[in-house]
Amino acid sequence: MNTVLLKIKHEFIKALPPTIFFFVILHIVAAIRALMIKGTGVPLPVTASVLIASLVLGKSVLVADMLPFINRFPEKPLIWNVTWKTLMYALVALCVHYLERLYEYWKEAPSLMDANSMLWTSMNWPRFWAVQILLITLIFMYCVISELARVIGRDRLRKMFLGPLPPGLGSDRPAE
């Protein structure tokens, strides 16, 4: 039983950094979207839905990182893996972003095909691509940070960024 709890704790600790990162960036995206559509009456996601999306994305990134084709260039300069991962995660973000919009239309349309047709004709494409560019930029930042942490170690990166931890709060686990 103790090993199960330790495994759950380990997985939770691993999922925490990407979850926090996505929680913050999804709130930034939601705030920017709110500013872009202020006065249109379009509903925006609330903190609870952003939290759920962050939890899903945080765990999804960890699962994706275990796939052999995601960490494709570990021995090359970091830009290779950063670019590859940014491309992979951006494609997923594009699909999720589009499906999120499609769902809103599907609630009012008689069928999925009708919803897709309505979406294509009424979508504000400049706004859609503006949000997508923002997401890609933030995903790129995440990939840079995660690749640096992979190469130099999480604890060393944390010390470089935040300074040393006070005694007693240090980590006894090796860098991942």
C-alpha atoms as a PDB file:
ATOM      1  CA  MET A   1       0.000   0.000   0.000  1.00  0.00           C
ATOM      2  CA  ASN A   2       2.838   2.364   0.854  1.00  0.00           C
ATOM      3  CA  THR A   3       4.430   1.901  -2.589  1.00  0.00           C
ATOM      4  CA  VAL A   4       1.131   2.795  -4.258  1.00  0.00           C
ATOM      5  CA  LEU A   5       0.910   6.023  -2.263  1.00  0.00           C
ATOM      6  CA  LEU A   6       4.535   6.834  -3.080  1.00  0.00           C
ATOM      7  CA  LYS A   7       3.857   6.246  -6.787  1.00  0.00           C
ATOM      8  CA  ILE A   8       0.766   8.489  -6.667  1.00  0.00           C
ATOM      9  CA  LYS A   9       2.770  11.187  -4.865  1.00  0.00           C
ATOM     10  CA  HIS A  10       5.591  10.889  -7.427  1.00  0.00           C
ATOM     11  CA  GLU A  11       3.155  11.208 -10.367  1.00  0.00           C
ATOM     12  CA  PHE A  12       1.411  14.153  -8.704  1.00  0.00           C
ATOM     13  CA  ILE A  13       4.735  15.974  -8.158  1.00  0.00           C
ATOM     14  CA  LYS A  14       5.741  15.308 -11.793  1.00  0.00           C
ATOM     15  CA  ALA A  15       2.415  16.645 -13.081  1.00  0.00           C
ATOM     16  CA  LEU A  16       2.455  19.764 -10.910  1.00  0.00           C
ATOM     17  CA  PRO A  17       4.881  21.992 -12.919  1.00  0.00           C
ATOM     18  CA  PRO A  18       3.188  21.580 -16.320  1.00  0.00           C
ATOM     19  CA  THR A  19      -0.246  21.847 -14.692  1.00  0.00           C
ATOM     20  CA  ILE A  20       0.662  25.117 -12.963  1.00  0.00           C
ATOM     21  CA  PHE A  21       2.231  26.436 -16.161  1.00  0.00           C
ATOM     22  CA  PHE A  22      -0.859  25.628 -18.239  1.00  0.00           C
ATOM     23  CA  PHE A  23      -3.163  26.972 -15.509  1.00  0.00           C
ATOM     24  CA  VAL A  24      -1.397  30.337 -15.729  1.00  0.00           C
ATOM     25  CA  ILE A  25      -1.154  30.476 -19.532  1.00  0.00           C
ATOM     26  CA  LEU A  26      -4.753  29.385 -20.065  1.00  0.00           C
ATOM     27  CA  HIS A  27      -5.860  32.206 -17.779  1.00  0.00           C
ATOM     28  CA  ILE A  28      -3.730  34.600 -19.841  1.00  0.00           C
ATOM     29  CA  VAL A  29      -5.353  33.304 -23.019  1.00  0.00           C
ATOM     30  CA  ALA A  30      -8.830  33.586 -21.439  1.00  0.00           C
ATOM     31  CA  ALA A  31      -8.112  37.168 -20.357  1.00  0.00           C
ATOM     32  CA  ILE A  32      -6.893  38.119 -23.844  1.00  0.00           C
ATOM     33  CA  ARG A  33      -9.922  36.455 -25.443  1.00  0.00           C
ATOM     34  CA  ALA A  34     -12.173  38.347 -23.020  1.00  0.00           C
ATOM     35  CA  LEU A  35     -10.573  41.617 -24.069  1.00  0.00           C
ATOM     36  CA  MET A  36     -10.908  40.725 -27.759  1.00  0.00           C
ATOM     37  CA  ILE A  37     -14.608  39.819 -27.570  1.00  0.00           C
ATOM     38  CA  LYS A  38     -15.737  42.252 -24.891  1.00  0.00           C
ATOM     39  CA  GLY A  39     -19.304  43.286 -25.569  1.00  0.00           C
ATOM     40  CA  THR A  40     -20.163  40.439 -27.968  1.00  0.00           C
ATOM     41  CA  GLY A  41     -22.010  38.322 -25.406  1.00  0.00           C
ATOM     42  CA  VAL A  42     -19.909  35.235 -26.125  1.00  0.00           C
ATOM     43  CA  PRO A  43     -19.434  33.187 -22.926  1.00  0.00           C
ATOM     44  CA  LEU A  44     -15.874  32.655 -21.732  1.00  0.00           C
ATOM     45  CA  PRO A  45     -14.355  29.833 -19.703  1.00  0.00           C
ATOM     46  CA  VAL A  46     -14.355  30.229 -15.949  1.00  0.00           C
ATOM     47  CA  THR A  47     -11.553  29.305 -13.564  1.00  0.00           C
ATOM     48  CA  ALA A  48     -13.014  25.833 -12.936  1.00  0.00           C
ATOM     49  CA  SER A  49     -12.961  24.912 -16.629  1.00  0.00           C
ATOM     50  CA  VAL A  50      -9.447  26.373 -16.968  1.00  0.00           C
ATOM     51  CA  LEU A  51      -8.354  24.259 -13.971  1.00  0.00           C
ATOM     52  CA  ILE A  52      -9.768  21.094 -15.540  1.00  0.00           C
ATOM     53  CA  ALA A  53      -8.107  21.893 -18.863  1.00  0.00           C
ATOM     54  CA  SER A  54      -4.820  22.554 -17.030  1.00  0.00           C
ATOM     55  CA  LEU A  55      -4.986  19.217 -15.241  1.00  0.00           C
ATOM     56  CA  VAL A  56      -5.696  17.417 -18.509  1.00  0.00           C
ATOM     57  CA  LEU A  57      -2.911  19.264 -20.350  1.00  0.00           C
ATOM     58  CA  GLY A  58      -0.419  18.785 -17.516  1.00  0.00           C
ATOM     59  CA  LYS A  59      -0.938  15.027 -17.484  1.00  0.00           C
ATOM     60  CA  SER A  60      -1.159  14.879 -21.286  1.00  0.00           C
ATOM     61  CA  VAL A  61       2.271  16.476 -21.611  1.00  0.00           C
ATOM     62  CA  LEU A  62       3.737  13.881 -19.248  1.00  0.00           C
ATOM     63  CA  VAL A  63       2.104  11.043 -21.178  1.00  0.00           C
ATOM     64  CA  ALA A  64       3.222  12.528 -24.500  1.00  0.00           C
ATOM     65  CA  ASP A  65       6.785  12.856 -23.211  1.00  0.00           C
ATOM     66  CA  MET A  66       6.833   9.086 -22.663  1.00  0.00           C
ATOM     67  CA  LEU A  67       6.036   8.448 -26.344  1.00  0.00           C
ATOM     68  CA  PRO A  68       9.207   7.633 -28.304  1.00  0.00           C
ATOM     69  CA  PHE A  69       8.515  10.032 -31.182  1.00  0.00           C
ATOM     70  CA  ILE A  70       8.086  13.090 -28.908  1.00  0.00           C
ATOM     71  CA  ASN A  71      11.633  13.128 -27.511  1.00  0.00           C
ATOM     72  CA  ARG A  72      12.992  12.578 -30.994  1.00  0.00           C
ATOM     73  CA  PHE A  73      16.262  14.526 -30.862  1.00  0.00           C
ATOM     74  CA  PRO A  74      17.715  14.158 -27.339  1.00  0.00           C
ATOM     75  CA  GLU A  75      21.353  14.180 -28.496  1.00  0.00           C
ATOM     76  CA  LYS A  76      21.091  17.165 -30.856  1.00  0.00           C
ATOM     77  CA  PRO A  77      21.152  20.840 -29.818  1.00  0.00           C
ATOM     78  CA  LEU A  78      18.114  21.778 -27.725  1.00  0.00           C
ATOM     79  CA  ILE A  79      16.480  23.731 -30.531  1.00  0.00           C
ATOM     80  CA  TRP A  80      15.727  20.469 -32.358  1.00  0.00           C
ATOM     81  CA  ASN A  81      13.676  18.960 -29.517  1.00  0.00           C
ATOM     82  CA  VAL A  82      12.153  22.343 -28.605  1.00  0.00           C
ATOM     83  CA  THR A  83      11.014  22.931 -32.177  1.00  0.00           C
ATOM     84  CA  TRP A  84       9.728  19.368 -32.624  1.00  0.00           C
ATOM     85  CA  LYS A  85       7.815  19.349 -29.324  1.00  0.00           C
ATOM     86  CA  THR A  86       6.423  22.831 -29.989  1.00  0.00           C
ATOM     87  CA  LEU A  87       5.157  21.635 -33.368  1.00  0.00           C
ATOM     88  CA  MET A  88       3.567  18.483 -31.881  1.00  0.00           C
ATOM     89  CA  TYR A  89       1.942  20.310 -28.956  1.00  0.00           C
ATOM     90  CA  ALA A  90       0.837  23.178 -31.235  1.00  0.00           C
ATOM     91  CA  LEU A  91      -0.938  20.741 -33.556  1.00  0.00           C
ATOM     92  CA  VAL A  92      -2.790  19.303 -30.573  1.00  0.00           C
ATOM     93  CA  ALA A  93      -3.594  22.826 -29.338  1.00  0.00           C
ATOM     94  CA  LEU A  94      -4.910  23.736 -32.801  1.00  0.00           C
ATOM     95  CA  CYS A  95      -7.215  20.705 -32.815  1.00  0.00           C
ATOM     96  CA  VAL A  96      -8.440  21.342 -29.265  1.00  0.00           C
ATOM     97  CA  HIS A  97      -8.973  25.045 -29.984  1.00  0.00           C
ATOM     98  CA  TYR A  98     -10.989  24.240 -33.113  1.00  0.00           C
ATOM     99  CA  LEU A  99     -12.996  21.505 -31.383  1.00  0.00           C
ATOM    100  CA  GLU A 100     -13.748  23.876 -28.522  1.00  0.00           C
ATOM    101  CA  ARG A 101     -15.267  26.338 -31.008  1.00  0.00           C
ATOM    102  CA  LEU A 102     -17.067  23.508 -32.836  1.00  0.00           C
ATOM    103  CA  TYR A 103     -18.661  22.334 -29.583  1.00  0.00           C
ATOM    104  CA  GLU A 104     -20.161  25.789 -29.020  1.00  0.00           C
ATOM    105  CA  TYR A 105     -21.851  25.644 -32.446  1.00  0.00           C
ATOM    106  CA  TRP A 106     -22.870  21.990 -32.053  1.00  0.00           C
ATOM    107  CA  LYS A 107     -25.010  22.904 -29.048  1.00  0.00           C
ATOM    108  CA  GLU A 108     -27.208  24.985 -31.398  1.00  0.00           C
ATOM    109  CA  ALA A 109     -26.962  22.997 -34.644  1.00  0.00           C
ATOM    110  CA  PRO A 110     -28.966  19.861 -35.509  1.00  0.00           C
ATOM    111  CA  SER A 111     -25.857  17.892 -36.505  1.00  0.00           C
ATOM    112  CA  LEU A 112     -22.090  17.967 -36.264  1.00  0.00           C
ATOM    113  CA  MET A 113     -21.770  18.681 -39.992  1.00  0.00           C
ATOM    114  CA  ASP A 114     -24.166  21.629 -39.698  1.00  0.00           C
ATOM    115  CA  ALA A 115     -22.215  22.917 -36.712  1.00  0.00           C
ATOM    116  CA  ASN A 116     -18.973  22.670 -38.670  1.00  0.00           C
ATOM    117  CA  SER A 117     -20.535  24.523 -41.613  1.00  0.00           C
ATOM    118  CA  MET A 118     -21.831  27.262 -39.293  1.00  0.00           C
ATOM    119  CA  LEU A 119     -18.425  27.517 -37.662  1.00  0.00           C
ATOM    120  CA  TRP A 120     -16.594  27.899 -40.966  1.00  0.00           C
ATOM    121  CA  THR A 121     -18.932  30.633 -42.163  1.00  0.00           C
ATOM    122  CA  SER A 122     -19.126  32.652 -38.951  1.00  0.00           C
ATOM    123  CA  MET A 123     -15.699  32.123 -37.357  1.00  0.00           C
ATOM    124  CA  ASN A 124     -13.696  35.258 -36.694  1.00  0.00           C
ATOM    125  CA  TRP A 125     -10.533  33.814 -38.232  1.00  0.00           C
ATOM    126  CA  PRO A 126      -8.167  36.660 -37.323  1.00  0.00           C
ATOM    127  CA  ARG A 127      -9.151  36.251 -33.654  1.00  0.00           C
ATOM    128  CA  PHE A 128      -8.826  32.447 -33.896  1.00  0.00           C
ATOM    129  CA  TRP A 129      -5.306  32.723 -35.344  1.00  0.00           C
ATOM    130  CA  ALA A 130      -4.328  35.438 -32.842  1.00  0.00           C
ATOM    131  CA  VAL A 131      -5.184  33.085 -29.977  1.00  0.00           C
ATOM    132  CA  GLN A 132      -3.400  30.249 -31.766  1.00  0.00           C
ATOM    133  CA  ILE A 133      -0.232  32.349 -32.182  1.00  0.00           C
ATOM    134  CA  LEU A 134      -0.370  33.204 -28.488  1.00  0.00           C
ATOM    135  CA  LEU A 135      -0.749  29.526 -27.585  1.00  0.00           C
ATOM    136  CA  ILE A 136       2.163  28.528 -29.829  1.00  0.00           C
ATOM    137  CA  THR A 137       4.373  31.183 -28.245  1.00  0.00           C
ATOM    138  CA  LEU A 138       3.482  30.001 -24.749  1.00  0.00           C
ATOM    139  CA  ILE A 139       3.930  26.343 -25.720  1.00  0.00           C
ATOM    140  CA  PHE A 140       7.352  27.231 -27.138  1.00  0.00           C
ATOM    141  CA  MET A 141       8.255  28.827 -23.794  1.00  0.00           C
ATOM    142  CA  TYR A 142       7.132  25.676 -21.976  1.00  0.00           C
ATOM    143  CA  CYS A 143       9.215  23.480 -24.296  1.00  0.00           C
ATOM    144  CA  VAL A 144      12.321  25.632 -23.807  1.00  0.00           C
ATOM    145  CA  ILE A 145      11.986  25.484 -20.032  1.00  0.00           C
ATOM    146  CA  SER A 146      11.269  21.741 -19.962  1.00  0.00           C
ATOM    147  CA  GLU A 147      14.206  20.950 -22.268  1.00  0.00           C
ATOM    148  CA  LEU A 148      16.543  23.066 -20.144  1.00  0.00           C
ATOM    149  CA  ALA A 149      15.288  21.238 -17.053  1.00  0.00           C
ATOM    150  CA  ARG A 150      15.858  17.897 -18.784  1.00  0.00           C
ATOM    151  CA  VAL A 151      19.452  18.757 -19.711  1.00  0.00           C
ATOM    152  CA  ILE A 152      20.698  20.625 -16.646  1.00  0.00           C
ATOM    153  CA  GLY A 153      18.313  19.144 -14.070  1.00  0.00           C
ATOM    154  CA  ARG A 154      15.220  20.541 -12.416  1.00  0.00           C
ATOM    155  CA  ASP A 155      16.914  21.325  -9.115  1.00  0.00           C
ATOM    156  CA  ARG A 156      19.813  23.144 -10.767  1.00  0.00           C
ATOM    157  CA  LEU A 157      17.438  25.152 -12.975  1.00  0.00           C
ATOM    158  CA  ARG A 158      15.339  26.047  -9.934  1.00  0.00           C
ATOM    159  CA  LYS A 159      18.476  27.199  -8.057  1.00  0.00           C
ATOM    160  CA  MET A 160      19.615  29.237 -11.058  1.00  0.00           C
ATOM    161  CA  PHE A 161      16.214  30.870 -11.386  1.00  0.00           C
ATOM    162  CA  LEU A 162      15.021  31.234  -7.776  1.00  0.00           C
ATOM    163  CA  GLY A 163      18.212  30.827  -5.760  1.00  0.00           C
ATOM    164  CA  PRO A 164      18.947  28.103  -3.222  1.00  0.00           C
ATOM    165  CA  LEU A 165      16.122  26.778  -1.087  1.00  0.00           C
ATOM    166  CA  PRO A 166      16.241  27.367   2.667  1.00  0.00           C
ATOM    167  CA  PRO A 167      17.588  24.419   4.720  1.00  0.00           C
ATOM    168  CA  GLY A 168      14.995  21.713   5.254  1.00  0.00           C
ATOM    169  CA  LEU A 169      13.080  22.532   2.065  1.00  0.00           C
ATOM    170  CA  GLY A 170      15.626  21.000  -0.282  1.00  0.00           C
ATOM    171  CA  SER A 171      14.930  18.024  -2.446  1.00  0.00           C
ATOM    172  CA  ASP A 172      16.570  14.691  -1.794  1.00  0.00           C
ATOM    173  CA  ARG A 173      15.591  13.318  -5.183  1.00  0.00           C
ATOM    174  CA  PRO A 174      18.012  13.284  -8.119  1.00  0.00           C
ATOM    175  CA  ALA A 175      17.517  15.612 -11.084  1.00  0.00           C
ATOM    176  CA  GLU A 176      15.262  14.169 -13.777  1.00  0.00           C
END
